[in-house]
């Protein structure tokens, strides 16, 4: 009976290691995606954005600029 207990312990350990690796690699993929996204431009509205309201205003400014650029290209 002891042999079966050892096999169960190994199986649990394997599942635990697999779960930890899945979480670690998932976090790495997310970090790479975030790193590859376009950062705010230096000297822009984003430099002084401190509050949520500031960030919302900057995002709206970026949206309007992108929308205008899109409308001109169509």
PDB file of N, CA and C in Angstrom:
ATOM      1  N   UNK A   1       0.813  -1.197   0.000  1.00  0.00           N
ATOM      2  CA  UNK A   1       0.000   0.000   0.000  1.00  0.00           C
ATOM      3  C   UNK A   1       0.855   1.258   0.000  1.00  0.00           C
ATOM      4  N   UNK A   2       2.048   1.176   0.562  1.00  0.00           N
ATOM      5  CA  UNK A   2       2.927   2.345   0.631  1.00  0.00           C
ATOM      6  C   UNK A   2       3.314   2.828  -0.766  1.00  0.00           C
ATOM      7  N   UNK A   3       3.510   1.910  -1.709  1.00  0.00           N
ATOM      8  CA  UNK A   3       3.878   2.263  -3.073  1.00  0.00           C
ATOM      9  C   UNK A   3       2.820   3.136  -3.729  1.00  0.00           C
ATOM     10  N   UNK A   4       1.561   2.837  -3.475  1.00  0.00           N
ATOM     11  CA  UNK A   4       0.473   3.631  -4.048  1.00  0.00           C
ATOM     12  C   UNK A   4       0.475   5.041  -3.486  1.00  0.00           C
ATOM     13  N   UNK A   5       0.752   5.186  -2.201  1.00  0.00           N
ATOM     14  CA  UNK A   5       0.811   6.499  -1.572  1.00  0.00           C
ATOM     15  C   UNK A   5       1.934   7.346  -2.171  1.00  0.00           C
ATOM     16  N   UNK A   6       3.064   6.722  -2.447  1.00  0.00           N
ATOM     17  CA  UNK A   6       4.191   7.435  -3.052  1.00  0.00           C
ATOM     18  C   UNK A   6       3.810   7.912  -4.445  1.00  0.00           C
ATOM     19  N   UNK A   7       3.122   7.068  -5.208  1.00  0.00           N
ATOM     20  CA  UNK A   7       2.698   7.457  -6.560  1.00  0.00           C
ATOM     21  C   UNK A   7       1.713   8.620  -6.516  1.00  0.00           C
ATOM     22  N   UNK A   8       0.814   8.611  -5.538  1.00  0.00           N
ATOM     23  CA  UNK A   8      -0.128   9.720  -5.402  1.00  0.00           C
ATOM     24  C   UNK A   8       0.597  11.012  -5.023  1.00  0.00           C
ATOM     25  N   UNK A   9       1.587  10.910  -4.142  1.00  0.00           N
ATOM     26  CA  UNK A   9       2.372  12.085  -3.768  1.00  0.00           C
ATOM     27  C   UNK A   9       3.110  12.653  -4.979  1.00  0.00           C
ATOM     28  N   UNK A  10       3.677  11.778  -5.798  1.00  0.00           N
ATOM     29  CA  UNK A  10       4.389  12.224  -6.996  1.00  0.00           C
ATOM     30  C   UNK A  10       3.407  12.878  -7.966  1.00  0.00           C
ATOM     31  N   UNK A  11       2.229  12.279  -8.123  1.00  0.00           N
ATOM     32  CA  UNK A  11       1.225  12.838  -9.036  1.00  0.00           C
ATOM     33  C   UNK A  11       0.781  14.223  -8.562  1.00  0.00           C
ATOM     34  N   UNK A  12       0.565  14.369  -7.265  1.00  0.00           N
ATOM     35  CA  UNK A  12       0.172  15.676  -6.717  1.00  0.00           C
ATOM     36  C   UNK A  12       1.274  16.708  -6.934  1.00  0.00           C
ATOM     37  N   UNK A  13       2.504  16.289  -6.714  1.00  0.00           N
ATOM     38  CA  UNK A  13       3.636  17.192  -6.910  1.00  0.00           C
ATOM     39  C   UNK A  13       3.746  17.615  -8.367  1.00  0.00           C
ATOM     40  N   UNK A  14       3.539  16.691  -9.272  1.00  0.00           N
ATOM     41  CA  UNK A  14       3.614  16.987 -10.700  1.00  0.00           C
ATOM     42  C   UNK A  14       2.528  17.981 -11.096  1.00  0.00           C
ATOM     43  N   UNK A  15       1.323  17.774 -10.597  1.00  0.00           N
ATOM     44  CA  UNK A  15       0.220  18.693 -10.901  1.00  0.00           C
ATOM     45  C   UNK A  15       0.508  20.076 -10.315  1.00  0.00           C
ATOM     46  N   UNK A  16       1.047  20.128  -9.118  1.00  0.00           N
ATOM     47  CA  UNK A  16       1.376  21.404  -8.491  1.00  0.00           C
ATOM     48  C   UNK A  16       2.439  22.144  -9.293  1.00  0.00           C
ATOM     49  N   UNK A  17       3.480  21.446  -9.698  1.00  0.00           N
ATOM     50  CA  UNK A  17       4.544  22.072 -10.490  1.00  0.00           C
ATOM     51  C   UNK A  17       3.982  22.550 -11.826  1.00  0.00           C
ATOM     52  N   UNK A  18       3.140  21.753 -12.462  1.00  0.00           N
ATOM     53  CA  UNK A  18       2.540  22.142 -13.739  1.00  0.00           C
ATOM     54  C   UNK A  18       1.693  23.402 -13.572  1.00  0.00           C
ATOM     55  N   UNK A  19       0.940  23.491 -12.496  1.00  0.00           N
ATOM     56  CA  UNK A  19       0.111  24.675 -12.249  1.00  0.00           C
ATOM     57  C   UNK A  19       0.975  25.914 -12.030  1.00  0.00           C
ATOM     58  N   UNK A  20       2.031  25.769 -11.271  1.00  0.00           N
ATOM     59  CA  UNK A  20       2.924  26.907 -11.010  1.00  0.00           C
ATOM     60  C   UNK A  20       3.579  27.372 -12.303  1.00  0.00           C
ATOM     61  N   UNK A  21       4.039  26.432 -13.131  1.00  0.00           N
ATOM     62  CA  UNK A  21       4.660  26.803 -14.400  1.00  0.00           C
ATOM     63  C   UNK A  21       3.670  27.467 -15.336  1.00  0.00           C
ATOM     64  N   UNK A  22       2.439  26.993 -15.350  1.00  0.00           N
ATOM     65  CA  UNK A  22       1.410  27.605 -16.199  1.00  0.00           C
ATOM     66  C   UNK A  22       1.165  29.054 -15.788  1.00  0.00           C
ATOM     67  N   UNK A  23       1.097  29.287 -14.506  1.00  0.00           N
ATOM     68  CA  UNK A  23       0.890  30.651 -14.003  1.00  0.00           C
ATOM     69  C   UNK A  23       2.088  31.516 -14.343  1.00  0.00           C
ATOM     70  N   UNK A  24       3.286  30.994 -14.149  1.00  0.00           N
ATOM     71  CA  UNK A  24       4.499  31.767 -14.413  1.00  0.00           C
ATOM     72  C   UNK A  24       4.610  32.133 -15.890  1.00  0.00           C
ATOM     73  N   UNK A  25       4.381  31.159 -16.771  1.00  0.00           N
ATOM     74  CA  UNK A  25       4.496  31.445 -18.204  1.00  0.00           C
ATOM     75  C   UNK A  25       3.362  32.345 -18.677  1.00  0.00           C
ATOM     76  N   UNK A  26       2.195  32.224 -18.086  1.00  0.00           N
ATOM     77  CA  UNK A  26       1.091  33.119 -18.429  1.00  0.00           C
ATOM     78  C   UNK A  26       1.409  34.548 -18.044  1.00  0.00           C
ATOM     79  N   UNK A  27       2.005  34.743 -16.870  1.00  0.00           N
ATOM     80  CA  UNK A  27       2.390  36.087 -16.430  1.00  0.00           C
ATOM     81  C   UNK A  27       3.470  36.662 -17.321  1.00  0.00           C
ATOM     82  N   UNK A  28       4.394  35.821 -17.771  1.00  0.00           N
ATOM     83  CA  UNK A  28       5.456  36.280 -18.668  1.00  0.00           C
ATOM     84  C   UNK A  28       4.866  36.726 -19.995  1.00  0.00           C
ATOM     85  N   UNK A  29       3.931  35.970 -20.532  1.00  0.00           N
ATOM     86  CA  UNK A  29       3.306  36.335 -21.803  1.00  0.00           C
ATOM     87  C   UNK A  29       2.562  37.657 -21.670  1.00  0.00           C
ATOM     88  N   UNK A  30       1.883  37.852 -20.539  1.00  0.00           N
ATOM     89  CA  UNK A  30       1.164  39.109 -20.305  1.00  0.00           C
ATOM     90  C   UNK A  30       2.143  40.274 -20.215  1.00  0.00           C
ATOM     91  N   UNK A  31       3.261  40.081 -19.545  1.00  0.00           N
ATOM     92  CA  UNK A  31       4.258  41.143 -19.413  1.00  0.00           C
ATOM     93  C   UNK A  31       4.845  41.501 -20.772  1.00  0.00           C
ATOM     94  N   UNK A  32       5.085  40.499 -21.631  1.00  0.00           N
ATOM     95  CA  UNK A  32       5.608  40.773 -22.967  1.00  0.00           C
ATOM     96  C   UNK A  32       4.605  41.552 -23.791  1.00  0.00           C
ATOM     97  N   UNK A  33       3.327  41.213 -23.683  1.00  0.00           N
ATOM     98  CA  UNK A  33       2.289  41.931 -24.412  1.00  0.00           C
ATOM     99  C   UNK A  33       2.227  43.378 -23.948  1.00  0.00           C
ATOM    100  N   UNK A  34       2.287  43.589 -22.649  1.00  0.00           N
ATOM    101  CA  UNK A  34       2.253  44.951 -22.119  1.00  0.00           C
ATOM    102  C   UNK A  34       3.489  45.731 -22.551  1.00  0.00           C
ATOM    103  N   UNK A  35       4.632  45.077 -22.591  1.00  0.00           N
ATOM    104  CA  UNK A  35       5.866  45.746 -22.984  1.00  0.00           C
ATOM    105  C   UNK A  35       5.854  46.122 -24.457  1.00  0.00           C
ATOM    106  N   UNK A  36       5.136  45.359 -25.284  1.00  0.00           N
ATOM    107  CA  UNK A  36       5.088  45.633 -26.714  1.00  0.00           C
ATOM    108  C   UNK A  36       4.008  46.631 -27.103  1.00  0.00           C
ATOM    109  N   UNK A  37       3.168  47.036 -26.156  1.00  0.00           N
ATOM    110  CA  UNK A  37       2.136  48.006 -26.476  1.00  0.00           C
ATOM    111  C   UNK A  37       2.768  49.388 -26.618  1.00  0.00           C
ATOM    112  N   UNK A  38       2.067  50.270 -27.291  1.00  0.00           N
ATOM    113  CA  UNK A  38       2.600  51.599 -27.549  1.00  0.00           C
ATOM    114  C   UNK A  38       2.586  52.420 -26.268  1.00  0.00           C
ATOM    115  N   UNK A  39       3.735  52.893 -25.822  1.00  0.00           N
ATOM    116  CA  UNK A  39       3.777  53.702 -24.603  1.00  0.00           C
ATOM    117  C   UNK A  39       3.298  55.124 -24.884  1.00  0.00           C
ATOM    118  N   UNK A  40       2.836  55.818 -23.867  1.00  0.00           N
ATOM    119  CA  UNK A  40       2.456  57.216 -24.060  1.00  0.00           C
ATOM    120  C   UNK A  40       3.662  58.020 -24.532  1.00  0.00           C
ATOM    121  N   UNK A  41       3.403  59.030 -25.342  1.00  0.00           N
ATOM    122  CA  UNK A  41       4.489  59.855 -25.868  1.00  0.00           C
ATOM    123  C   UNK A  41       5.039  60.782 -24.790  1.00  0.00           C
ATOM    124  N   UNK A  42       6.361  60.941 -24.799  1.00  0.00           N
ATOM    125  CA  UNK A  42       7.012  61.848 -23.855  1.00  0.00           C
ATOM    126  C   UNK A  42       6.598  63.281 -24.174  1.00  0.00           C
ATOM    127  N   UNK A  43       6.457  64.093 -23.153  1.00  0.00           N
ATOM    128  CA  UNK A  43       6.070  65.480 -23.345  1.00  0.00           C
ATOM    129  C   UNK A  43       4.595  65.640 -23.653  1.00  0.00           C
ATOM    130  N   UNK A  44       3.828  64.594 -23.466  1.00  0.00           N
ATOM    131  CA  UNK A  44       2.404  64.649 -23.771  1.00  0.00           C
ATOM    132  C   UNK A  44       1.592  64.829 -22.493  1.00  0.00           C
ATOM    133  N   UNK A  45       0.328  64.757 -22.666  1.00  0.00           N
ATOM    134  CA  UNK A  45      -0.615  64.861 -21.550  1.00  0.00           C
ATOM    135  C   UNK A  45      -0.291  63.848 -20.450  1.00  0.00           C
ATOM    136  N   UNK A  46       0.214  62.689 -20.849  1.00  0.00           N
ATOM    137  CA  UNK A  46       0.460  61.598 -19.919  1.00  0.00           C
ATOM    138  C   UNK A  46       1.548  61.916 -18.898  1.00  0.00           C
ATOM    139  N   UNK A  47       2.468  62.816 -19.226  1.00  0.00           N
ATOM    140  CA  UNK A  47       3.553  63.143 -18.296  1.00  0.00           C
ATOM    141  C   UNK A  47       3.024  63.700 -16.976  1.00  0.00           C
ATOM    142  N   UNK A  48       1.958  64.479 -17.042  1.00  0.00           N
ATOM    143  CA  UNK A  48       1.423  65.089 -15.828  1.00  0.00           C
ATOM    144  C   UNK A  48       0.212  64.388 -15.265  1.00  0.00           C
ATOM    145  N   UNK A  49      -0.191  63.277 -15.882  1.00  0.00           N
ATOM    146  CA  UNK A  49      -1.394  62.573 -15.437  1.00  0.00           C
ATOM    147  C   UNK A  49      -1.127  61.857 -14.116  1.00  0.00           C
ATOM    148  N   UNK A  50      -1.846  62.288 -13.086  1.00  0.00           N
ATOM    149  CA  UNK A  50      -1.677  61.688 -11.763  1.00  0.00           C
ATOM    150  C   UNK A  50      -2.959  60.988 -11.325  1.00  0.00           C
ATOM    151  N   UNK A  51      -4.072  61.670 -11.465  1.00  0.00           N
ATOM    152  CA  UNK A  51      -5.346  61.110 -11.004  1.00  0.00           C
ATOM    153  C   UNK A  51      -6.027  60.329 -12.118  1.00  0.00           C
ATOM    154  N   UNK A  52      -7.051  59.600 -11.747  1.00  0.00           N
ATOM    155  CA  UNK A  52      -7.830  58.860 -12.739  1.00  0.00           C
ATOM    156  C   UNK A  52      -8.464  59.824 -13.732  1.00  0.00           C
ATOM    157  N   UNK A  53      -8.918  60.969 -13.241  1.00  0.00           N
ATOM    158  CA  UNK A  53      -9.513  61.972 -14.137  1.00  0.00           C
ATOM    159  C   UNK A  53      -8.490  62.445 -15.175  1.00  0.00           C
ATOM    160  N   UNK A  54      -7.241  62.688 -14.744  1.00  0.00           N
ATOM    161  CA  UNK A  54      -6.175  63.101 -15.666  1.00  0.00           C
ATOM    162  C   UNK A  54      -5.952  62.036 -16.737  1.00  0.00           C
ATOM    163  N   UNK A  55      -5.883  60.781 -16.306  1.00  0.00           N
ATOM    164  CA  UNK A  55      -5.639  59.695 -17.255  1.00  0.00           C
ATOM    165  C   UNK A  55      -6.812  59.527 -18.220  1.00  0.00           C
ATOM    166  N   UNK A  56      -8.040  59.707 -17.715  1.00  0.00           N
ATOM    167  CA  UNK A  56      -9.218  59.622 -18.578  1.00  0.00           C
ATOM    168  C   UNK A  56      -9.180  60.727 -19.626  1.00  0.00           C
ATOM    169  N   UNK A  57      -8.822  61.945 -19.210  1.00  0.00           N
ATOM    170  CA  UNK A  57      -8.716  63.061 -20.152  1.00  0.00           C
ATOM    171  C   UNK A  57      -7.654  62.795 -21.214  1.00  0.00           C
ATOM    172  N   UNK A  58      -6.501  62.276 -20.812  1.00  0.00           N
ATOM    173  CA  UNK A  58      -5.430  61.964 -21.765  1.00  0.00           C
ATOM    174  C   UNK A  58      -5.878  60.878 -22.738  1.00  0.00           C
ATOM    175  N   UNK A  59      -6.557  59.868 -22.221  1.00  0.00           N
ATOM    176  CA  UNK A  59      -7.043  58.787 -23.082  1.00  0.00           C
ATOM    177  C   UNK A  59      -8.062  59.331 -24.083  1.00  0.00           C
ATOM    178  N   UNK A  60      -8.918  60.233 -23.637  1.00  0.00           N
ATOM    179  CA  UNK A  60      -9.913  60.824 -24.543  1.00  0.00           C
ATOM    180  C   UNK A  60      -9.218  61.657 -25.616  1.00  0.00           C
ATOM    181  N   UNK A  61      -8.172  62.390 -25.246  1.00  0.00           N
ATOM    182  CA  UNK A  61      -7.409  63.162 -26.230  1.00  0.00           C
ATOM    183  C   UNK A  61      -6.788  62.233 -27.269  1.00  0.00           C
ATOM    184  N   UNK A  62      -6.208  61.132 -26.819  1.00  0.00           N
ATOM    185  CA  UNK A  62      -5.615  60.164 -27.736  1.00  0.00           C
ATOM    186  C   UNK A  62      -6.670  59.540 -28.639  1.00  0.00           C
ATOM    187  N   UNK A  63      -7.831  59.253 -28.063  1.00  0.00           N
ATOM    188  CA  UNK A  63      -8.922  58.680 -28.848  1.00  0.00           C
ATOM    189  C   UNK A  63      -9.368  59.644 -29.944  1.00  0.00           C
ATOM    190  N   UNK A  64      -9.544  60.899 -29.573  1.00  0.00           N
ATOM    191  CA  UNK A  64      -9.988  61.889 -30.567  1.00  0.00           C
ATOM    192  C   UNK A  64      -8.965  62.040 -31.696  1.00  0.00           C
ATOM    193  N   UNK A  65      -7.690  62.058 -31.337  1.00  0.00           N
ATOM    194  CA  UNK A  65      -6.640  62.179 -32.354  1.00  0.00           C
ATOM    195  C   UNK A  65      -6.637  60.953 -33.281  1.00  0.00           C
ATOM    196  N   UNK A  66      -6.774  59.768 -32.708  1.00  0.00           N
ATOM    197  CA  UNK A  66      -6.800  58.548 -33.512  1.00  0.00           C
ATOM    198  C   UNK A  66      -8.051  58.502 -34.383  1.00  0.00           C
ATOM    199  N   UNK A  67      -9.184  58.938 -33.847  1.00  0.00           N
ATOM    200  CA  UNK A  67     -10.429  58.953 -34.605  1.00  0.00           C
ATOM    201  C   UNK A  67     -10.337  59.919 -35.780  1.00  0.00           C
ATOM    202  N   UNK A  68      -9.752  61.074 -35.541  1.00  0.00           N
ATOM    203  CA  UNK A  68      -9.589  62.061 -36.608  1.00  0.00           C
ATOM    204  C   UNK A  68      -8.671  61.500 -37.710  1.00  0.00           C
ATOM    205  N   UNK A  69      -7.591  60.858 -37.302  1.00  0.00           N
ATOM    206  CA  UNK A  69      -6.654  60.264 -38.271  1.00  0.00           C
ATOM    207  C   UNK A  69      -7.368  59.170 -39.079  1.00  0.00           C
ATOM    208  N   UNK A  70      -8.155  58.349 -38.423  1.00  0.00           N
ATOM    209  CA  UNK A  70      -8.891  57.294 -39.097  1.00  0.00           C
ATOM    210  C   UNK A  70      -9.888  57.889 -40.091  1.00  0.00           C
ATOM    211  N   UNK A  71     -10.627  58.907 -39.673  1.00  0.00           N
ATOM    212  CA  UNK A  71     -11.629  59.513 -40.551  1.00  0.00           C
ATOM    213  C   UNK A  71     -10.996  60.155 -41.784  1.00  0.00           C
ATOM    214  N   UNK A  72      -9.796  60.683 -41.644  1.00  0.00           N
ATOM    215  CA  UNK A  72      -9.107  61.278 -42.799  1.00  0.00           C
ATOM    216  C   UNK A  72      -8.624  60.211 -43.771  1.00  0.00           C
ATOM    217  N   UNK A  73      -8.345  59.027 -43.278  1.00  0.00           N
ATOM    218  CA  UNK A  73      -7.811  57.969 -44.144  1.00  0.00           C
ATOM    219  C   UNK A  73      -8.901  57.225 -44.896  1.00  0.00           C
ATOM    220  N   UNK A  74     -10.142  57.375 -44.478  1.00  0.00           N
ATOM    221  CA  UNK A  74     -11.252  56.632 -45.105  1.00  0.00           C
ATOM    222  C   UNK A  74     -11.811  57.378 -46.286  1.00  0.00           C
TER     223      UNK A  74
END
